[in-house]
Amino acid sequence: MTGPDLAAIRAAADILRDAVIATPVLPLTSARWNGVLPDCARMTLKLELFQQAGSFKARGAYLGIMGLSPAERAAGIVAASGGNHALAVAWAAQAAGMDALICMPRATDPARVAACQALGATITLHDDMAAAFGAMYDAAAGGRILMHPFEAPHMVLGAATCGLEYALQAPDIDTFVVPIGGGGLIAGMACAIRQARPDAQVIGVEPFGADSMFQSLQQGAPATLDSVATIADSLGAPLAMPYTFGIVQEYVDRIVRIDDAEMLRAMEIYQSTLRITAEPACAASLAAVTGPLRDELAGRHVGIIACGSNISLTRYADLMQAL
């Protein structure tokens, strides 16, 4: 079996119990959703955007830092991210009293940079994400402990606690729809869900402009993109990697792709129905069920996830002008 088993996932959930939030699930049964959702039997939303540091990433980041030895803690940690992972690592490092260096692209939303700094992290800015990753690897070669945003057992394990939590909260869901960036979230959630609920279906969602996992499944090996073009910076991983790819290959039924306009429409739906200011990645599951999956979900109990919402009002307004 690829990935953690249920015993390991339950043990991780025990470690996280007093540190993270068991985020709520919301049945989407209000009349406000009439005409918006597909003709499924039921739809449920997991509000993981209410998690510590604003996203699911807090689970894995905390597990990774808590698993470090005293010597590793003394060395400090380094991560590269322009979004949710940066905030999660900064939060977990502060909780552990550790020094954190976060390498971020220069185009990162200034509100995210400021939030990481407020949590005590040291920020360095770089021309693009590739340069930020290069700086991360250089700092790791210099002695800091690398906290990879997705290709790490602790990140998959953290996401798996979210998946098991969801499966137990809403045991009637038969189809889970989960966004894909680097693959850590869907790898962990699918691994947990398919062990706890073998008959459940797990469908991944990627933007057309950042579909490295879709291409990887097509070719049977991790793929690297020539370029990334999507408004969903949290889903903009330029490549798939072996560990997460292997888990996705084993447990995910298939992947559908969405365009930026579908994410923008889903962001507007969240705002008008739930007053949630969702970042594009947060709206990806909803975009898939109201878009490419709409016609095939009749009669199903569908579970979607709002995975994070670290976006400034300025950035949100700028994006929504495209509608």
C-alpha atoms as a PDB file:
ATOM      1  CA  MET A   1       0.000   0.000   0.000  1.00  0.00           C
ATOM      2  CA  THR A   2       1.191   3.510  -0.837  1.00  0.00           C
ATOM      3  CA  GLY A   3       0.784   6.173   1.821  1.00  0.00           C
ATOM      4  CA  PRO A   4      -0.187   5.999   5.511  1.00  0.00           C
ATOM      5  CA  ASP A   5      -2.570   3.359   6.830  1.00  0.00           C
ATOM      6  CA  LEU A   6      -5.555   4.105   9.056  1.00  0.00           C
ATOM      7  CA  ALA A   7      -3.615   3.389  12.249  1.00  0.00           C
ATOM      8  CA  ALA A   8      -0.995   6.011  11.301  1.00  0.00           C
ATOM      9  CA  ILE A   9      -3.698   8.499  10.324  1.00  0.00           C
ATOM     10  CA  ARG A  10      -5.518   8.039  13.636  1.00  0.00           C
ATOM     11  CA  ALA A  11      -2.247   8.450  15.544  1.00  0.00           C
ATOM     12  CA  ALA A  12      -1.563  11.685  13.664  1.00  0.00           C
ATOM     13  CA  ALA A  13      -5.070  12.912  14.455  1.00  0.00           C
ATOM     14  CA  ASP A  14      -4.337  12.347  18.153  1.00  0.00           C
ATOM     15  CA  ILE A  15      -1.185  14.493  17.874  1.00  0.00           C
ATOM     16  CA  LEU A  16      -3.180  17.241  16.171  1.00  0.00           C
ATOM     17  CA  ARG A  17      -6.201  17.094  18.455  1.00  0.00           C
ATOM     18  CA  ASP A  18      -5.334  20.064  20.671  1.00  0.00           C
ATOM     19  CA  ALA A  19      -3.473  22.037  17.998  1.00  0.00           C
ATOM     20  CA  VAL A  20      -5.786  22.222  14.996  1.00  0.00           C
ATOM     21  CA  ILE A  21      -9.504  22.617  14.436  1.00  0.00           C
ATOM     22  CA  ALA A  22     -11.902  19.810  13.589  1.00  0.00           C
ATOM     23  CA  THR A  23     -13.444  21.941  10.852  1.00  0.00           C
ATOM     24  CA  PRO A  24     -17.227  21.778  10.403  1.00  0.00           C
ATOM     25  CA  VAL A  25     -19.215  20.371   7.524  1.00  0.00           C
ATOM     26  CA  LEU A  26     -22.224  22.171   6.101  1.00  0.00           C
ATOM     27  CA  PRO A  27     -25.099  20.476   4.220  1.00  0.00           C
ATOM     28  CA  LEU A  28     -25.889  22.714   1.248  1.00  0.00           C
ATOM     29  CA  THR A  29     -29.656  22.455   1.634  1.00  0.00           C
ATOM     30  CA  SER A  30     -30.618  26.128   1.877  1.00  0.00           C
ATOM     31  CA  ALA A  31     -33.009  27.446  -0.752  1.00  0.00           C
ATOM     32  CA  ARG A  32     -30.258  29.884  -1.714  1.00  0.00           C
ATOM     33  CA  TRP A  33     -28.578  26.993  -3.537  1.00  0.00           C
ATOM     34  CA  ASN A  34     -31.626  26.217  -5.712  1.00  0.00           C
ATOM     35  CA  GLY A  35     -30.641  26.264  -9.363  1.00  0.00           C
ATOM     36  CA  VAL A  36     -26.951  26.568  -8.504  1.00  0.00           C
ATOM     37  CA  LEU A  37     -26.019  22.999  -7.635  1.00  0.00           C
ATOM     38  CA  PRO A  38     -26.394  19.967  -9.901  1.00  0.00           C
ATOM     39  CA  ASP A  39     -29.304  17.576  -9.424  1.00  0.00           C
ATOM     40  CA  CYS A  40     -27.505  15.445  -6.879  1.00  0.00           C
ATOM     41  CA  ALA A  41     -29.240  13.825  -3.931  1.00  0.00           C
ATOM     42  CA  ARG A  42     -27.239  15.901  -1.454  1.00  0.00           C
ATOM     43  CA  MET A  43     -24.136  18.050  -1.292  1.00  0.00           C
ATOM     44  CA  THR A  44     -21.944  18.692   1.736  1.00  0.00           C
ATOM     45  CA  LEU A  45     -19.157  21.251   2.146  1.00  0.00           C
ATOM     46  CA  LYS A  46     -16.189  20.881   4.507  1.00  0.00           C
ATOM     47  CA  LEU A  47     -15.101  24.302   5.739  1.00  0.00           C
ATOM     48  CA  GLU A  48     -11.369  23.702   6.036  1.00  0.00           C
ATOM     49  CA  LEU A  49     -10.772  27.390   5.342  1.00  0.00           C
ATOM     50  CA  PHE A  50     -11.543  27.886   9.059  1.00  0.00           C
ATOM     51  CA  GLN A  51      -8.419  25.882   9.931  1.00  0.00           C
ATOM     52  CA  GLN A  52      -5.415  27.315  11.793  1.00  0.00           C
ATOM     53  CA  ALA A  53      -3.457  29.630   9.462  1.00  0.00           C
ATOM     54  CA  GLY A  54      -6.435  29.575   7.094  1.00  0.00           C
ATOM     55  CA  SER A  55      -5.971  26.246   5.298  1.00  0.00           C
ATOM     56  CA  PHE A  56      -5.518  22.470   5.493  1.00  0.00           C
ATOM     57  CA  LYS A  57      -1.748  22.990   5.267  1.00  0.00           C
ATOM     58  CA  ALA A  58      -1.608  23.666   9.022  1.00  0.00           C
ATOM     59  CA  ARG A  59      -2.171  19.967   9.720  1.00  0.00           C
ATOM     60  CA  GLY A  60       0.868  18.714   7.841  1.00  0.00           C
ATOM     61  CA  ALA A  61       3.120  21.604   8.791  1.00  0.00           C
ATOM     62  CA  TYR A  62       2.432  21.023  12.485  1.00  0.00           C
ATOM     63  CA  LEU A  63       3.081  17.275  12.191  1.00  0.00           C
ATOM     64  CA  GLY A  64       6.339  17.927  10.360  1.00  0.00           C
ATOM     65  CA  ILE A  65       7.645  20.374  12.925  1.00  0.00           C
ATOM     66  CA  MET A  66       6.536  18.290  15.905  1.00  0.00           C
ATOM     67  CA  GLY A  67       8.424  15.354  14.416  1.00  0.00           C
ATOM     68  CA  LEU A  68      11.778  17.156  14.376  1.00  0.00           C
ATOM     69  CA  SER A  69      14.580  16.246  16.758  1.00  0.00           C
ATOM     70  CA  PRO A  70      15.998  18.873  19.165  1.00  0.00           C
ATOM     71  CA  ALA A  71      19.014  19.307  16.883  1.00  0.00           C
ATOM     72  CA  GLU A  72      16.790  19.808  13.844  1.00  0.00           C
ATOM     73  CA  ARG A  73      14.687  22.342  15.707  1.00  0.00           C
ATOM     74  CA  ALA A  74      17.799  24.268  16.610  1.00  0.00           C
ATOM     75  CA  ALA A  75      18.819  24.400  12.939  1.00  0.00           C
ATOM     76  CA  GLY A  76      15.609  26.176  11.934  1.00  0.00           C
ATOM     77  CA  ILE A  77      13.363  25.393   8.991  1.00  0.00           C
ATOM     78  CA  VAL A  78      12.919  26.671   5.453  1.00  0.00           C
ATOM     79  CA  ALA A  79       9.973  26.545   3.061  1.00  0.00           C
ATOM     80  CA  ALA A  80       9.071  28.006  -0.324  1.00  0.00           C
ATOM     81  CA  SER A  81       5.519  29.150  -0.984  1.00  0.00           C
ATOM     82  CA  GLY A  82       3.501  32.117  -2.091  1.00  0.00           C
ATOM     83  CA  GLY A  83       0.438  31.158  -0.137  1.00  0.00           C
ATOM     84  CA  ASN A  84      -1.107  28.723   2.265  1.00  0.00           C
ATOM     85  CA  HIS A  85       1.975  26.614   2.950  1.00  0.00           C
ATOM     86  CA  ALA A  86       3.970  29.700   3.878  1.00  0.00           C
ATOM     87  CA  LEU A  87       1.353  30.748   6.408  1.00  0.00           C
ATOM     88  CA  ALA A  88       1.007  27.226   7.810  1.00  0.00           C
ATOM     89  CA  VAL A  89       4.758  26.801   8.298  1.00  0.00           C
ATOM     90  CA  ALA A  90       5.050  30.232   9.899  1.00  0.00           C
ATOM     91  CA  TRP A  91       2.168  29.391  12.264  1.00  0.00           C
ATOM     92  CA  ALA A  92       3.535  25.950  13.198  1.00  0.00           C
ATOM     93  CA  ALA A  93       7.059  27.325  13.715  1.00  0.00           C
ATOM     94  CA  GLN A  94       5.735  30.022  16.030  1.00  0.00           C
ATOM     95  CA  ALA A  95       3.775  27.386  17.980  1.00  0.00           C
ATOM     96  CA  ALA A  96       7.005  25.404  18.416  1.00  0.00           C
ATOM     97  CA  GLY A  97       9.174  28.431  19.186  1.00  0.00           C
ATOM     98  CA  MET A  98      11.284  27.831  16.071  1.00  0.00           C
ATOM     99  CA  ASP A  99      13.041  30.014  13.532  1.00  0.00           C
ATOM    100  CA  ALA A 100      11.398  29.876  10.090  1.00  0.00           C
ATOM    101  CA  LEU A 101      12.699  31.180   6.757  1.00  0.00           C
ATOM    102  CA  ILE A 102      10.069  31.444   4.002  1.00  0.00           C
ATOM    103  CA  CYS A 103      11.150  31.991   0.384  1.00  0.00           C
ATOM    104  CA  MET A 104       8.341  33.664  -1.576  1.00  0.00           C
ATOM    105  CA  PRO A 105       7.851  34.902  -5.155  1.00  0.00           C
ATOM    106  CA  ARG A 106       8.034  38.671  -5.482  1.00  0.00           C
ATOM    107  CA  ALA A 107       4.462  38.692  -6.892  1.00  0.00           C
ATOM    108  CA  THR A 108       3.012  37.180  -3.689  1.00  0.00           C
ATOM    109  CA  ASP A 109      -0.027  38.995  -2.302  1.00  0.00           C
ATOM    110  CA  PRO A 110       1.471  41.529   0.158  1.00  0.00           C
ATOM    111  CA  ALA A 111      -1.138  40.558   2.740  1.00  0.00           C
ATOM    112  CA  ARG A 112       0.308  37.033   2.823  1.00  0.00           C
ATOM    113  CA  VAL A 113       3.840  38.337   3.228  1.00  0.00           C
ATOM    114  CA  ALA A 114       2.736  40.567   6.103  1.00  0.00           C
ATOM    115  CA  ALA A 115       0.822  37.717   7.753  1.00  0.00           C
ATOM    116  CA  CYS A 116       3.900  35.453   7.693  1.00  0.00           C
ATOM    117  CA  GLN A 117       6.033  38.234   9.143  1.00  0.00           C
ATOM    118  CA  ALA A 118       3.452  38.830  11.875  1.00  0.00           C
ATOM    119  CA  LEU A 119       3.878  35.159  12.831  1.00  0.00           C
ATOM    120  CA  GLY A 120       7.618  35.721  13.280  1.00  0.00           C
ATOM    121  CA  ALA A 121       8.921  34.242  10.016  1.00  0.00           C
ATOM    122  CA  THR A 122      11.795  35.739   8.045  1.00  0.00           C
ATOM    123  CA  ILE A 123      10.768  36.381   4.431  1.00  0.00           C
ATOM    124  CA  THR A 124      12.964  36.538   1.337  1.00  0.00           C
ATOM    125  CA  LEU A 125      11.461  37.557  -2.020  1.00  0.00           C
ATOM    126  CA  HIS A 126      12.504  36.073  -5.366  1.00  0.00           C
ATOM    127  CA  ASP A 127      11.714  36.658  -9.023  1.00  0.00           C
ATOM    128  CA  ASP A 128       9.361  33.683  -9.377  1.00  0.00           C
ATOM    129  CA  MET A 129       8.411  30.401  -7.716  1.00  0.00           C
ATOM    130  CA  ALA A 130      11.267  28.524  -9.368  1.00  0.00           C
ATOM    131  CA  ALA A 131      13.733  31.002  -7.872  1.00  0.00           C
ATOM    132  CA  ALA A 132      12.009  30.725  -4.488  1.00  0.00           C
ATOM    133  CA  PHE A 133      12.377  26.939  -4.592  1.00  0.00           C
ATOM    134  CA  GLY A 134      16.021  27.337  -5.532  1.00  0.00           C
ATOM    135  CA  ALA A 135      16.571  29.562  -2.519  1.00  0.00           C
ATOM    136  CA  MET A 136      14.780  27.018  -0.336  1.00  0.00           C
ATOM    137  CA  TYR A 137      17.053  24.213  -1.490  1.00  0.00           C
ATOM    138  CA  ASP A 138      20.129  26.410  -0.996  1.00  0.00           C
ATOM    139  CA  ALA A 139      19.071  27.171   2.580  1.00  0.00           C
ATOM    140  CA  ALA A 140      18.459  23.467   3.204  1.00  0.00           C
ATOM    141  CA  ALA A 141      21.937  22.672   1.856  1.00  0.00           C
ATOM    142  CA  GLY A 142      23.212  25.223   4.360  1.00  0.00           C
ATOM    143  CA  GLY A 143      21.721  23.320   7.289  1.00  0.00           C
ATOM    144  CA  ARG A 144      18.089  24.371   7.633  1.00  0.00           C
ATOM    145  CA  ILE A 145      15.418  21.663   7.684  1.00  0.00           C
ATOM    146  CA  LEU A 146      13.381  21.632   4.497  1.00  0.00           C
ATOM    147  CA  MET A 147       9.584  21.763   4.818  1.00  0.00           C
ATOM    148  CA  HIS A 148       8.385  20.823   1.339  1.00  0.00           C
ATOM    149  CA  PRO A 149       4.882  22.082   0.493  1.00  0.00           C
ATOM    150  CA  PHE A 150       3.544  18.712  -0.680  1.00  0.00           C
ATOM    151  CA  GLU A 151       6.158  16.013  -1.384  1.00  0.00           C
ATOM    152  CA  ALA A 152       6.594  14.932   2.229  1.00  0.00           C
ATOM    153  CA  PRO A 153       5.026  12.129   4.291  1.00  0.00           C
ATOM    154  CA  HIS A 154       4.002  14.545   7.056  1.00  0.00           C
ATOM    155  CA  MET A 155       2.106  16.765   4.591  1.00  0.00           C
ATOM    156  CA  VAL A 156       0.224  13.789   3.152  1.00  0.00           C
ATOM    157  CA  LEU A 157      -0.438  12.507   6.662  1.00  0.00           C
ATOM    158  CA  GLY A 158      -1.842  15.876   7.716  1.00  0.00           C
ATOM    159  CA  ALA A 159      -4.173  15.910   4.725  1.00  0.00           C
ATOM    160  CA  ALA A 160      -5.155  12.319   5.519  1.00  0.00           C
ATOM    161  CA  THR A 161      -6.416  13.428   8.945  1.00  0.00           C
ATOM    162  CA  CYS A 162      -8.663  15.879   7.101  1.00  0.00           C
ATOM    163  CA  GLY A 163      -9.924  13.107   4.824  1.00  0.00           C
ATOM    164  CA  LEU A 164     -10.670  10.699   7.666  1.00  0.00           C
ATOM    165  CA  GLU A 165     -12.335  13.485   9.656  1.00  0.00           C
ATOM    166  CA  TYR A 166     -14.579  14.288   6.667  1.00  0.00           C
ATOM    167  CA  ALA A 167     -15.482  10.648   6.052  1.00  0.00           C
ATOM    168  CA  LEU A 168     -16.550  10.254   9.691  1.00  0.00           C
ATOM    169  CA  GLN A 169     -18.458  13.550   9.779  1.00  0.00           C
ATOM    170  CA  ALA A 170     -20.486  12.762   6.657  1.00  0.00           C
ATOM    171  CA  PRO A 171     -20.598   8.958   6.295  1.00  0.00           C
ATOM    172  CA  ASP A 172     -23.173   8.996   3.480  1.00  0.00           C
ATOM    173  CA  ILE A 173     -21.006  10.849   0.970  1.00  0.00           C
ATOM    174  CA  ASP A 174     -20.280   8.619  -2.022  1.00  0.00           C
ATOM    175  CA  THR A 175     -18.330  11.091  -4.187  1.00  0.00           C
ATOM    176  CA  PHE A 176     -15.597  13.417  -2.900  1.00  0.00           C
ATOM    177  CA  VAL A 177     -14.299  16.227  -5.137  1.00  0.00           C
ATOM    178  CA  VAL A 178     -10.881  17.557  -4.083  1.00  0.00           C
ATOM    179  CA  PRO A 179      -8.579  20.246  -5.565  1.00  0.00           C
ATOM    180  CA  ILE A 180      -5.023  19.458  -6.664  1.00  0.00           C
ATOM    181  CA  GLY A 181      -2.016  21.747  -6.455  1.00  0.00           C
ATOM    182  CA  GLY A 182       1.125  19.738  -5.804  1.00  0.00           C
ATOM    183  CA  GLY A 183      -0.987  16.750  -4.811  1.00  0.00           C
ATOM    184  CA  GLY A 184      -0.512  16.628  -1.046  1.00  0.00           C
ATOM    185  CA  LEU A 185      -4.149  17.379  -0.197  1.00  0.00           C
ATOM    186  CA  ILE A 186      -5.758  14.890  -2.550  1.00  0.00           C
ATOM    187  CA  ALA A 187      -3.116  12.219  -1.863  1.00  0.00           C
ATOM    188  CA  GLY A 188      -3.778  12.362   1.871  1.00  0.00           C
ATOM    189  CA  MET A 189      -7.550  12.747   1.651  1.00  0.00           C
ATOM    190  CA  ALA A 190      -7.968  10.010  -0.948  1.00  0.00           C
ATOM    191  CA  CYS A 191      -5.684   7.628   0.961  1.00  0.00           C
ATOM    192  CA  ALA A 192      -7.781   8.040   4.110  1.00  0.00           C
ATOM    193  CA  ILE A 193     -11.191   8.098   2.432  1.00  0.00           C
ATOM    194  CA  ARG A 194     -10.636   5.005   0.299  1.00  0.00           C
ATOM    195  CA  GLN A 195      -9.420   2.995   3.305  1.00  0.00           C
ATOM    196  CA  ALA A 196     -12.289   4.124   5.531  1.00  0.00           C
ATOM    197  CA  ARG A 197     -14.882   4.031   2.737  1.00  0.00           C
ATOM    198  CA  PRO A 198     -13.697   1.637   0.004  1.00  0.00           C
ATOM    199  CA  ASP A 199     -16.778   2.223  -2.150  1.00  0.00           C
ATOM    200  CA  ALA A 200     -16.445   6.008  -2.219  1.00  0.00           C
ATOM    201  CA  GLN A 201     -15.256   7.780  -5.341  1.00  0.00           C
ATOM    202  CA  VAL A 202     -12.551  10.471  -5.208  1.00  0.00           C
ATOM    203  CA  ILE A 203     -12.302  12.927  -8.100  1.00  0.00           C
ATOM    204  CA  GLY A 204      -9.496  15.452  -8.392  1.00  0.00           C
ATOM    205  CA  VAL A 205      -9.752  18.975  -9.808  1.00  0.00           C
ATOM    206  CA  GLU A 206      -6.973  20.895 -11.552  1.00  0.00           C
ATOM    207  CA  PRO A 207      -6.857  24.118 -13.561  1.00  0.00           C
ATOM    208  CA  PHE A 208      -6.176  23.638 -17.261  1.00  0.00           C
ATOM    209  CA  GLY A 209      -3.162  25.921 -16.834  1.00  0.00           C
ATOM    210  CA  ALA A 210      -1.622  23.829 -14.037  1.00  0.00           C
ATOM    211  CA  ASP A 211      -2.579  20.235 -14.794  1.00  0.00           C
ATOM    212  CA  SER A 212       0.637  18.405 -13.907  1.00  0.00           C
ATOM    213  CA  MET A 213      -1.172  15.575 -12.078  1.00  0.00           C
ATOM    214  CA  PHE A 214      -3.655  15.071 -14.931  1.00  0.00           C
ATOM    215  CA  GLN A 215      -0.769  14.797 -17.376  1.00  0.00           C
ATOM    216  CA  SER A 216       1.117  12.511 -14.989  1.00  0.00           C
ATOM    217  CA  LEU A 217      -1.768  10.037 -14.832  1.00  0.00           C
ATOM    218  CA  GLN A 218      -2.028  10.097 -18.611  1.00  0.00           C
ATOM    219  CA  GLN A 219       1.655   9.253 -19.095  1.00  0.00           C
ATOM    220  CA  GLY A 220       1.995   6.995 -16.047  1.00  0.00           C
ATOM    221  CA  ALA A 221       4.825   8.962 -14.427  1.00  0.00           C
ATOM    222  CA  PRO A 222       5.299  12.362 -12.758  1.00  0.00           C
ATOM    223  CA  ALA A 223       5.130  15.174 -15.316  1.00  0.00           C
ATOM    224  CA  THR A 224       6.697  18.631 -15.375  1.00  0.00           C
ATOM    225  CA  LEU A 225       4.911  21.521 -17.071  1.00  0.00           C
ATOM    226  CA  ASP A 226       6.613  23.927 -19.442  1.00  0.00           C
ATOM    227  CA  SER A 227       4.693  26.794 -17.850  1.00  0.00           C
ATOM    228  CA  VAL A 228       1.890  27.537 -15.373  1.00  0.00           C
ATOM    229  CA  ALA A 229      -0.991  29.846 -16.273  1.00  0.00           C
ATOM    230  CA  THR A 230      -3.836  30.105 -13.758  1.00  0.00           C
ATOM    231  CA  ILE A 231      -5.258  32.612 -11.296  1.00  0.00           C
ATOM    232  CA  ALA A 232      -5.174  29.852  -8.649  1.00  0.00           C
ATOM    233  CA  ASP A 233      -1.672  30.370  -7.283  1.00  0.00           C
ATOM    234  CA  SER A 234      -2.287  27.752  -4.571  1.00  0.00           C
ATOM    235  CA  LEU A 235      -2.913  25.189  -7.337  1.00  0.00           C
ATOM    236  CA  GLY A 236      -0.007  26.301  -9.515  1.00  0.00           C
ATOM    237  CA  ALA A 237       2.536  23.549  -8.882  1.00  0.00           C
ATOM    238  CA  PRO A 238       4.669  23.204 -12.025  1.00  0.00           C
ATOM    239  CA  LEU A 239       5.288  19.493 -11.560  1.00  0.00           C
ATOM    240  CA  ALA A 240       4.106  16.292  -9.945  1.00  0.00           C
ATOM    241  CA  MET A 241       6.498  14.332  -7.725  1.00  0.00           C
ATOM    242  CA  PRO A 242       6.915  10.585  -7.094  1.00  0.00           C
ATOM    243  CA  TYR A 243       5.519  10.118  -3.562  1.00  0.00           C
ATOM    244  CA  THR A 244       2.297  12.058  -3.976  1.00  0.00           C
ATOM    245  CA  PHE A 245       1.872  10.864  -7.562  1.00  0.00           C
ATOM    246  CA  GLY A 246       2.051   7.222  -6.451  1.00  0.00           C
ATOM    247  CA  ILE A 247      -0.698   7.750  -3.867  1.00  0.00           C
ATOM    248  CA  VAL A 248      -2.906   9.622  -6.325  1.00  0.00           C
ATOM    249  CA  GLN A 249      -2.388   6.875  -8.888  1.00  0.00           C
ATOM    250  CA  GLU A 250      -3.514   4.261  -6.358  1.00  0.00           C
ATOM    251  CA  TYR A 251      -6.501   5.982  -4.751  1.00  0.00           C
ATOM    252  CA  VAL A 252      -7.908   8.738  -7.015  1.00  0.00           C
ATOM    253  CA  ASP A 253     -10.494   7.644  -9.566  1.00  0.00           C
ATOM    254  CA  ARG A 254      -9.867  10.431 -12.061  1.00  0.00           C
ATOM    255  CA  ILE A 255      -9.160  14.134 -12.525  1.00  0.00           C
ATOM    256  CA  VAL A 256     -11.271  16.788 -14.201  1.00  0.00           C
ATOM    257  CA  ARG A 257      -9.960  20.163 -15.311  1.00  0.00           C
ATOM    258  CA  ILE A 258     -11.499  23.604 -14.928  1.00  0.00           C
ATOM    259  CA  ASP A 259     -10.698  27.011 -16.359  1.00  0.00           C
ATOM    260  CA  ASP A 260     -10.149  30.243 -14.493  1.00  0.00           C
ATOM    261  CA  ALA A 261     -13.573  31.597 -15.434  1.00  0.00           C
ATOM    262  CA  GLU A 262     -15.251  28.629 -13.726  1.00  0.00           C
ATOM    263  CA  MET A 263     -13.283  29.331 -10.545  1.00  0.00           C
ATOM    264  CA  LEU A 264     -14.264  32.999 -10.661  1.00  0.00           C
ATOM    265  CA  ARG A 265     -17.939  32.057 -10.973  1.00  0.00           C
ATOM    266  CA  ALA A 266     -17.609  29.671  -8.024  1.00  0.00           C
ATOM    267  CA  MET A 267     -15.934  32.414  -5.975  1.00  0.00           C
ATOM    268  CA  GLU A 268     -18.929  34.659  -6.698  1.00  0.00           C
ATOM    269  CA  ILE A 269     -21.326  31.876  -5.680  1.00  0.00           C
ATOM    270  CA  TYR A 270     -19.576  31.465  -2.325  1.00  0.00           C
ATOM    271  CA  GLN A 271     -19.762  35.200  -1.764  1.00  0.00           C
ATOM    272  CA  SER A 272     -23.427  35.540  -2.689  1.00  0.00           C
ATOM    273  CA  THR A 273     -24.682  32.435  -0.856  1.00  0.00           C
ATOM    274  CA  LEU A 274     -22.398  32.032   2.187  1.00  0.00           C
ATOM    275  CA  ARG A 275     -20.623  35.414   2.318  1.00  0.00           C
ATOM    276  CA  ILE A 276     -17.302  33.557   2.033  1.00  0.00           C
ATOM    277  CA  THR A 277     -14.462  35.429   0.350  1.00  0.00           C
ATOM    278  CA  ALA A 278     -12.847  32.431  -1.316  1.00  0.00           C
ATOM    279  CA  GLU A 279      -9.495  32.347  -3.050  1.00  0.00           C
ATOM    280  CA  PRO A 280      -9.560  30.540  -6.436  1.00  0.00           C
ATOM    281  CA  ALA A 281      -8.218  27.255  -5.033  1.00  0.00           C
ATOM    282  CA  CYS A 282     -10.865  27.342  -2.310  1.00  0.00           C
ATOM    283  CA  ALA A 283     -13.561  27.506  -4.984  1.00  0.00           C
ATOM    284  CA  ALA A 284     -12.132  24.763  -7.212  1.00  0.00           C
ATOM    285  CA  SER A 285     -14.300  21.895  -5.907  1.00  0.00           C
ATOM    286  CA  LEU A 286     -17.464  23.960  -6.331  1.00  0.00           C
ATOM    287  CA  ALA A 287     -16.313  25.038  -9.791  1.00  0.00           C
ATOM    288  CA  ALA A 288     -15.964  21.390 -10.798  1.00  0.00           C
ATOM    289  CA  VAL A 289     -19.400  20.287  -9.570  1.00  0.00           C
ATOM    290  CA  THR A 290     -21.142  23.262 -11.162  1.00  0.00           C
ATOM    291  CA  GLY A 291     -19.054  22.848 -14.312  1.00  0.00           C
ATOM    292  CA  PRO A 292     -17.589  19.694 -15.892  1.00  0.00           C
ATOM    293  CA  LEU A 293     -19.092  17.256 -13.350  1.00  0.00           C
ATOM    294  CA  ARG A 294     -22.574  18.753 -13.269  1.00  0.00           C
ATOM    295  CA  ASP A 295     -24.346  16.283 -15.576  1.00  0.00           C
ATOM    296  CA  GLU A 296     -22.976  13.116 -13.965  1.00  0.00           C
ATOM    297  CA  LEU A 297     -23.725  13.815 -10.290  1.00  0.00           C
ATOM    298  CA  ALA A 298     -27.464  13.137 -10.382  1.00  0.00           C
ATOM    299  CA  GLY A 299     -28.546  11.097  -7.379  1.00  0.00           C
ATOM    300  CA  ARG A 300     -25.168  11.201  -5.670  1.00  0.00           C
ATOM    301  CA  HIS A 301     -24.228  12.519  -2.231  1.00  0.00           C
ATOM    302  CA  VAL A 302     -21.301  14.749  -3.089  1.00  0.00           C
ATOM    303  CA  GLY A 303     -18.662  16.083  -0.707  1.00  0.00           C
ATOM    304  CA  ILE A 304     -16.659  19.185  -1.634  1.00  0.00           C
ATOM    305  CA  ILE A 305     -14.056  21.093   0.354  1.00  0.00           C
ATOM    306  CA  ALA A 306     -13.264  24.768   0.813  1.00  0.00           C
ATOM    307  CA  CYS A 307      -9.571  24.143   1.436  1.00  0.00           C
ATOM    308  CA  GLY A 308      -8.293  27.628   2.283  1.00  0.00           C
ATOM    309  CA  SER A 309      -9.008  31.312   1.957  1.00  0.00           C
ATOM    310  CA  ASN A 310      -5.883  33.400   2.392  1.00  0.00           C
ATOM    311  CA  ILE A 311      -6.615  36.230   0.001  1.00  0.00           C
ATOM    312  CA  SER A 312      -6.617  39.974   0.537  1.00  0.00           C
ATOM    313  CA  LEU A 313      -9.685  42.021  -0.340  1.00  0.00           C
ATOM    314  CA  THR A 314      -7.583  43.941  -2.864  1.00  0.00           C
ATOM    315  CA  ARG A 315      -6.514  40.767  -4.674  1.00  0.00           C
ATOM    316  CA  TYR A 316     -10.068  39.390  -4.507  1.00  0.00           C
ATOM    317  CA  ALA A 317     -11.527  42.563  -6.010  1.00  0.00           C
ATOM    318  CA  ASP A 318      -8.922  42.578  -8.759  1.00  0.00           C
ATOM    319  CA  LEU A 319      -9.783  39.000  -9.722  1.00  0.00           C
ATOM    320  CA  MET A 320     -13.523  39.514  -9.646  1.00  0.00           C
ATOM    321  CA  GLN A 321     -13.280  42.369 -12.135  1.00  0.00           C
ATOM    322  CA  ALA A 322     -12.768  39.668 -14.764  1.00  0.00           C
ATOM    323  CA  LEU A 323     -16.337  38.389 -14.286  1.00  0.00           C
END
